[in-house]
PDB file of N, CA and C in Angstrom:
ATOM      1  N   MET A   1      -3.011 -15.467  -2.119  1.00  0.00           N
ATOM      2  CA  MET A   1      -2.282 -15.108  -1.309  1.00  0.00           C
ATOM      3  C   MET A   1      -2.890 -13.535  -1.050  1.00  0.00           C
ATOM      4  N   PRO A   2      -2.688 -13.489   0.222  1.00  0.00           N
ATOM      5  CA  PRO A   2      -2.432 -12.322   0.746  1.00  0.00           C
ATOM      6  C   PRO A   2      -1.622 -11.018   0.354  1.00  0.00           C
ATOM      7  N   ASN A   3      -1.835  -9.650  -0.050  1.00  0.00           N
ATOM      8  CA  ASN A   3      -1.285  -8.786  -0.409  1.00  0.00           C
ATOM      9  C   ASN A   3      -1.130  -7.529   0.639  1.00  0.00           C
ATOM     10  N   VAL A   4       0.232  -7.177   0.623  1.00  0.00           N
ATOM     11  CA  VAL A   4       0.788  -5.946   1.639  1.00  0.00           C
ATOM     12  C   VAL A   4       0.956  -4.395   0.832  1.00  0.00           C
ATOM     13  N   PHE A   5       0.831  -3.664   1.278  1.00  0.00           N
ATOM     14  CA  PHE A   5       1.853  -2.345   1.145  1.00  0.00           C
ATOM     15  C   PHE A   5       1.955  -1.363   2.192  1.00  0.00           C
ATOM     16  N   GLU A   6       3.168  -1.954   2.613  1.00  0.00           N
ATOM     17  CA  GLU A   6       3.616  -0.555   3.359  1.00  0.00           C
ATOM     18  C   GLU A   6       4.205   0.662   3.035  1.00  0.00           C
ATOM     19  N   CYS A   7       3.657   1.657   3.403  1.00  0.00           N
ATOM     20  CA  CYS A   7       3.584   2.792   3.011  1.00  0.00           C
ATOM     21  C   CYS A   7       5.507   3.765   3.189  1.00  0.00           C
ATOM     22  N   GLY A   8       6.037   3.200   3.692  1.00  0.00           N
ATOM     23  CA  GLY A   8       7.336   3.341   4.274  1.00  0.00           C
ATOM     24  C   GLY A   8       8.263   2.940   3.197  1.00  0.00           C
ATOM     25  N   SER A   9       7.842   2.430   2.405  1.00  0.00           N
ATOM     26  CA  SER A   9       8.645   1.950   1.047  1.00  0.00           C
ATOM     27  C   SER A   9       7.898   3.048   0.165  1.00  0.00           C
ATOM     28  N   VAL A  10       7.331   4.323   0.251  1.00  0.00           N
ATOM     29  CA  VAL A  10       7.083   5.408  -0.914  1.00  0.00           C
ATOM     30  C   VAL A  10       7.242   6.551   0.129  1.00  0.00           C
ATOM     31  N   VAL A  11       6.794   6.652   1.635  1.00  0.00           N
ATOM     32  CA  VAL A  11       6.992   8.177   2.108  1.00  0.00           C
ATOM     33  C   VAL A  11       7.723   7.390   3.752  1.00  0.00           C
ATOM     34  N   PRO A  12       9.194   7.780   3.199  1.00  0.00           N
ATOM     35  CA  PRO A  12       9.759   7.549   4.415  1.00  0.00           C
ATOM     36  C   PRO A  12       9.569   7.968   5.589  1.00  0.00           C
ATOM     37  N   GLY A  13       9.540   6.754   6.623  1.00  0.00           N
ATOM     38  CA  GLY A  13       9.386   6.853   8.104  1.00  0.00           C
ATOM     39  C   GLY A  13       7.538   6.423   8.324  1.00  0.00           C
ATOM     40  N   CYS A  14       6.718   6.673   7.183  1.00  0.00           N
ATOM     41  CA  CYS A  14       5.435   6.223   7.558  1.00  0.00           C
ATOM     42  C   CYS A  14       5.488   5.137   7.585  1.00  0.00           C
ATOM     43  N   ARG A  15       4.560   4.426   9.188  1.00  0.00           N
ATOM     44  CA  ARG A  15       4.512   3.364   9.576  1.00  0.00           C
ATOM     45  C   ARG A  15       3.079   2.139   9.061  1.00  0.00           C
ATOM     46  N   PHE A  16       2.452   2.681   8.595  1.00  0.00           N
ATOM     47  CA  PHE A  16       1.348   1.949   7.828  1.00  0.00           C
ATOM     48  C   PHE A  16       1.209   0.994   7.077  1.00  0.00           C
ATOM     49  N   VAL A  17       0.208  -0.080   6.851  1.00  0.00           N
ATOM     50  CA  VAL A  17       0.586  -1.264   6.511  1.00  0.00           C
ATOM     51  C   VAL A  17      -1.115  -1.083   6.239  1.00  0.00           C
ATOM     52  N   ALA A  18      -0.943  -1.866   4.991  1.00  0.00           N
ATOM     53  CA  ALA A  18      -2.458  -2.127   4.578  1.00  0.00           C
ATOM     54  C   ALA A  18      -2.334  -3.722   4.306  1.00  0.00           C
ATOM     55  N   HIS A  19      -3.216  -4.793   4.193  1.00  0.00           N
ATOM     56  CA  HIS A  19      -3.204  -5.755   4.365  1.00  0.00           C
ATOM     57  C   HIS A  19      -5.027  -6.101   3.485  1.00  0.00           C
ATOM     58  N   SER A  20      -4.445  -6.949   2.283  1.00  0.00           N
ATOM     59  CA  SER A  20      -6.136  -7.552   2.030  1.00  0.00           C
ATOM     60  C   SER A  20      -5.812  -9.095   0.932  1.00  0.00           C
ATOM     61  N   GLU A  21      -6.834  -9.683   0.687  1.00  0.00           N
ATOM     62  CA  GLU A  21      -6.432 -10.753  -0.762  1.00  0.00           C
ATOM     63  C   GLU A  21      -6.662 -10.085  -1.630  1.00  0.00           C
ATOM     64  N   SER A  22      -7.396  -8.657  -2.351  1.00  0.00           N
ATOM     65  CA  SER A  22      -6.954  -8.389  -3.300  1.00  0.00           C
ATOM     66  C   SER A  22      -6.015  -7.543  -3.475  1.00  0.00           C
ATOM     67  N   ARG A  23      -5.599  -7.459  -4.575  1.00  0.00           N
ATOM     68  CA  ARG A  23      -4.196  -6.498  -4.789  1.00  0.00           C
ATOM     69  C   ARG A  23      -4.866  -5.304  -4.715  1.00  0.00           C
ATOM     70  N   ASP A  24      -6.091  -5.028  -5.761  1.00  0.00           N
ATOM     71  CA  ASP A  24      -7.064  -3.740  -6.032  1.00  0.00           C
ATOM     72  C   ASP A  24      -7.058  -2.759  -4.448  1.00  0.00           C
ATOM     73  N   GLU A  25      -7.874  -4.147  -3.628  1.00  0.00           N
ATOM     74  CA  GLU A  25      -8.281  -3.025  -2.411  1.00  0.00           C
ATOM     75  C   GLU A  25      -7.313  -2.708  -1.916  1.00  0.00           C
ATOM     76  N   VAL A  26      -5.897  -3.135  -1.717  1.00  0.00           N
ATOM     77  CA  VAL A  26      -4.822  -2.893  -1.565  1.00  0.00           C
ATOM     78  C   VAL A  26      -4.410  -1.577  -1.532  1.00  0.00           C
ATOM     79  N   LEU A  27      -4.158  -1.197  -3.132  1.00  0.00           N
ATOM     80  CA  LEU A  27      -4.405  -0.368  -4.027  1.00  0.00           C
ATOM     81  C   LEU A  27      -5.349   0.755  -3.796  1.00  0.00           C
ATOM     82  N   VAL A  28      -6.341   0.398  -3.560  1.00  0.00           N
ATOM     83  CA  VAL A  28      -7.190   1.422  -2.846  1.00  0.00           C
ATOM     84  C   VAL A  28      -7.121   2.329  -1.658  1.00  0.00           C
ATOM     85  N   THR A  29      -6.597   1.432  -0.798  1.00  0.00           N
ATOM     86  CA  THR A  29      -6.298   1.620   0.334  1.00  0.00           C
ATOM     87  C   THR A  29      -5.149   2.209   1.078  1.00  0.00           C
ATOM     88  N   ALA A  30      -4.517   2.084  -0.278  1.00  0.00           N
ATOM     89  CA  ALA A  30      -3.170   3.050  -0.084  1.00  0.00           C
ATOM     90  C   ALA A  30      -3.345   3.971  -0.536  1.00  0.00           C
ATOM     91  N   ILE A  31      -4.070   4.417  -1.517  1.00  0.00           N
ATOM     92  CA  ILE A  31      -4.050   5.836  -2.539  1.00  0.00           C
ATOM     93  C   ILE A  31      -5.164   6.924  -1.296  1.00  0.00           C
ATOM     94  N   GLU A  32      -6.029   6.157  -0.591  1.00  0.00           N
ATOM     95  CA  GLU A  32      -6.732   6.431   0.163  1.00  0.00           C
ATOM     96  C   GLU A  32      -6.155   7.650   1.481  1.00  0.00           C
ATOM     97  N   HIS A  33      -5.034   6.152   2.198  1.00  0.00           N
ATOM     98  CA  HIS A  33      -4.028   6.438   2.810  1.00  0.00           C
ATOM     99  C   HIS A  33      -3.216   7.865   2.192  1.00  0.00           C
ATOM    100  N   LEU A  34      -2.563   7.887   1.456  1.00  0.00           N
ATOM    101  CA  LEU A  34      -1.940   8.922   0.703  1.00  0.00           C
ATOM    102  C   LEU A  34      -2.896  10.437   0.929  1.00  0.00           C
ATOM    103  N   HIS A  35      -4.068  10.008   0.598  1.00  0.00           N
ATOM    104  CA  HIS A  35      -4.814  11.201   0.530  1.00  0.00           C
ATOM    105  C   HIS A  35      -5.192  11.825   1.897  1.00  0.00           C
ATOM    106  N   ARG A  36      -5.698  11.220   2.761  1.00  0.00           N
ATOM    107  CA  ARG A  36      -5.947  11.429   4.275  1.00  0.00           C
ATOM    108  C   ARG A  36      -4.818  11.846   5.218  1.00  0.00           C
ATOM    109  N   VAL A  37      -3.989  11.059   4.917  1.00  0.00           N
ATOM    110  CA  VAL A  37      -2.298  11.242   5.920  1.00  0.00           C
ATOM    111  C   VAL A  37      -1.607  12.041   5.437  1.00  0.00           C
ATOM    112  N   HIS A  38      -1.092  11.786   4.170  1.00  0.00           N
ATOM    113  CA  HIS A  38      -0.476  12.575   3.410  1.00  0.00           C
ATOM    114  C   HIS A  38      -0.590  13.902   3.096  1.00  0.00           C
ATOM    115  N   GLU A  39      -1.657  13.479   2.568  1.00  0.00           N
ATOM    116  CA  GLU A  39      -2.713  15.480   2.026  1.00  0.00           C
ATOM    117  C   GLU A  39      -1.888  15.006   0.568  1.00  0.00           C
ATOM    118  N   ILE A  40      -2.013  14.184   0.318  1.00  0.00           N
ATOM    119  CA  ILE A  40      -1.243  14.297  -1.769  1.00  0.00           C
ATOM    120  C   ILE A  40      -2.452  14.109  -2.353  1.00  0.00           C
ATOM    121  N   GLU A  41      -3.341  15.346  -3.155  1.00  0.00           N
ATOM    122  CA  GLU A  41      -4.027  15.566  -3.973  1.00  0.00           C
ATOM    123  C   GLU A  41      -4.360  14.462  -5.165  1.00  0.00           C
ATOM    124  N   TYR A  42      -2.956  14.787  -5.546  1.00  0.00           N
ATOM    125  CA  TYR A  42      -3.129  14.487  -7.108  1.00  0.00           C
ATOM    126  C   TYR A  42      -1.711  13.663  -7.038  1.00  0.00           C
ATOM    127  N   LEU A  43      -2.431  11.963  -7.793  1.00  0.00           N
ATOM    128  CA  LEU A  43      -1.230  10.983  -8.107  1.00  0.00           C
ATOM    129  C   LEU A  43      -1.435  11.363  -9.567  1.00  0.00           C
ATOM    130  N   SER A  44       0.288  11.220  -9.895  1.00  0.00           N
ATOM    131  CA  SER A  44       0.683  11.280 -11.059  1.00  0.00           C
ATOM    132  C   SER A  44       0.856   9.252 -11.367  1.00  0.00           C
ATOM    133  N   ASP A  45       0.965   9.403 -12.852  1.00  0.00           N
ATOM    134  CA  ASP A  45       1.063   7.672 -13.025  1.00  0.00           C
ATOM    135  C   ASP A  45       2.337   7.114 -12.676  1.00  0.00           C
ATOM    136  N   SER A  46       3.512   8.085 -12.601  1.00  0.00           N
ATOM    137  CA  SER A  46       4.610   7.216 -12.287  1.00  0.00           C
ATOM    138  C   SER A  46       4.435   6.854 -10.806  1.00  0.00           C
ATOM    139  N   ILE A  47       3.551   7.912  -9.790  1.00  0.00           N
ATOM    140  CA  ILE A  47       3.631   7.532  -8.640  1.00  0.00           C
ATOM    141  C   ILE A  47       2.285   5.879  -7.765  1.00  0.00           C
ATOM    142  N   LYS A  48       1.450   6.337  -8.898  1.00  0.00           N
ATOM    143  CA  LYS A  48       0.565   5.303  -9.367  1.00  0.00           C
ATOM    144  C   LYS A  48       1.596   3.595  -9.646  1.00  0.00           C
ATOM    145  N   ALA A  49       2.308   3.962 -10.406  1.00  0.00           N
ATOM    146  CA  ALA A  49       2.935   3.009 -10.854  1.00  0.00           C
ATOM    147  C   ALA A  49       3.956   2.361  -9.912  1.00  0.00           C
ATOM    148  N   ARG A  50       4.314   3.367  -9.084  1.00  0.00           N
ATOM    149  CA  ARG A  50       5.428   2.940  -8.065  1.00  0.00           C
ATOM    150  C   ARG A  50       4.546   1.978  -6.604  1.00  0.00           C
ATOM    151  N   LEU A  51       3.140   2.542  -6.234  1.00  0.00           N
ATOM    152  CA  LEU A  51       3.017   2.010  -5.519  1.00  0.00           C
ATOM    153  C   LEU A  51       1.979   0.540  -5.968  1.00  0.00           C
ATOM    154  N   ARG A  52       1.793   0.148  -7.071  1.00  0.00           N
ATOM    155  CA  ARG A  52       1.538  -0.836  -7.732  1.00  0.00           C
ATOM    156  C   ARG A  52       3.043  -1.870  -7.507  1.00  0.00           C
ATOM    157  N   ALA A  53       4.179  -1.292  -7.647  1.00  0.00           N
ATOM    158  CA  ALA A  53       5.607  -1.720  -7.609  1.00  0.00           C
ATOM    159  C   ALA A  53       5.749  -2.463  -6.001  1.00  0.00           C
ATOM    160  N   VAL A  54       5.246  -1.583  -5.301  1.00  0.00           N
ATOM    161  CA  VAL A  54       5.695  -1.808  -3.858  1.00  0.00           C
ATOM    162  C   VAL A  54       4.770  -3.128  -3.238  1.00  0.00           C
ATOM    163  N   ILE A  55       3.248  -3.178  -3.667  1.00  0.00           N
ATOM    164  CA  ILE A  55       2.475  -3.887  -3.065  1.00  0.00           C
ATOM    165  C   ILE A  55       3.255  -5.462  -3.367  1.00  0.00           C
ATOM    166  N   ARG A  56       3.132  -6.775  -2.340  1.00  0.00           N
ATOM    167  CA  ARG A  56       3.744  -7.732  -2.562  1.00  0.00           C
ATOM    168  C   ARG A  56       2.981  -8.461  -1.962  1.00  0.00           C
ATOM    169  N   GLU A  57       2.937  -9.932  -2.301  1.00  0.00           N
ATOM    170  CA  GLU A  57       2.380 -11.086  -1.830  1.00  0.00           C
ATOM    171  C   GLU A  57       2.962 -11.766  -1.044  1.00  0.00           C
ATOM    172  N   VAL A  58       2.093 -12.255   0.343  1.00  0.00           N
ATOM    173  CA  VAL A  58       3.207 -12.746   1.706  1.00  0.00           C
ATOM    174  C   VAL A  58       2.226 -13.719   1.783  1.00  0.00           C
ATOM    175  N   ALA A  59       2.628 -14.411   2.739  1.00  0.00           N
ATOM    176  CA  ALA A  59       2.171 -15.956   3.270  1.00  0.00           C
ATOM    177  C   ALA A  59       1.769 -15.767   4.721  1.00  0.00           C
ATOM    178  N   TRP A  60       0.187 -15.900   4.845  1.00  0.00           N
ATOM    179  CA  TRP A  60       0.010 -16.138   6.394  1.00  0.00           C
ATOM    180  C   TRP A  60       0.597 -16.661   7.009  1.00  0.00           C
ATOM    181  N   GLU A  61       0.984 -16.734   8.094  1.00  0.00           N
ATOM    182  CA  GLU A  61       1.531 -17.496   9.424  1.00  0.00           C
ATOM    183  C   GLU A  61       0.513 -17.491  10.039  1.00  0.00           C
ATOM    184  N   PRO A  62       0.283 -19.389  10.442  1.00  0.00           N
ATOM    185  CA  PRO A  62      -0.973 -19.457  11.328  1.00  0.00           C
ATOM    186  C   PRO A  62      -0.525 -19.217  13.016  1.00  0.00           C
ATOM    187  N   ARG A  63      -1.325 -18.665  13.798  1.00  0.00           N
ATOM    188  CA  ARG A  63      -0.999 -18.475  15.196  1.00  0.00           C
ATOM    189  C   ARG A  63      -1.031 -19.228  15.633  1.00  0.00           C
ATOM    190  N   SER A  64      -0.291 -19.792  16.656  1.00  0.00           N
ATOM    191  CA  SER A  64      -0.006 -20.787  17.631  1.00  0.00           C
ATOM    192  C   SER A  64      -0.992 -20.532  18.896  1.00  0.00           C
TER     193      SER A  64
END
């Protein structure tokens, strides 16, 4: 099942969304985004845990 990370759930106001079949790939994309866009150099264990907590599985809806 696909996984989604919505940055706004960690950084209020950010509209970045990452999708991947792999939870680990979504986490890597989220961390890269935080480094690049939000200029967050160091991610504490508590921030990493928060990132993992907000990644969720979603069902893809077929397009008509």
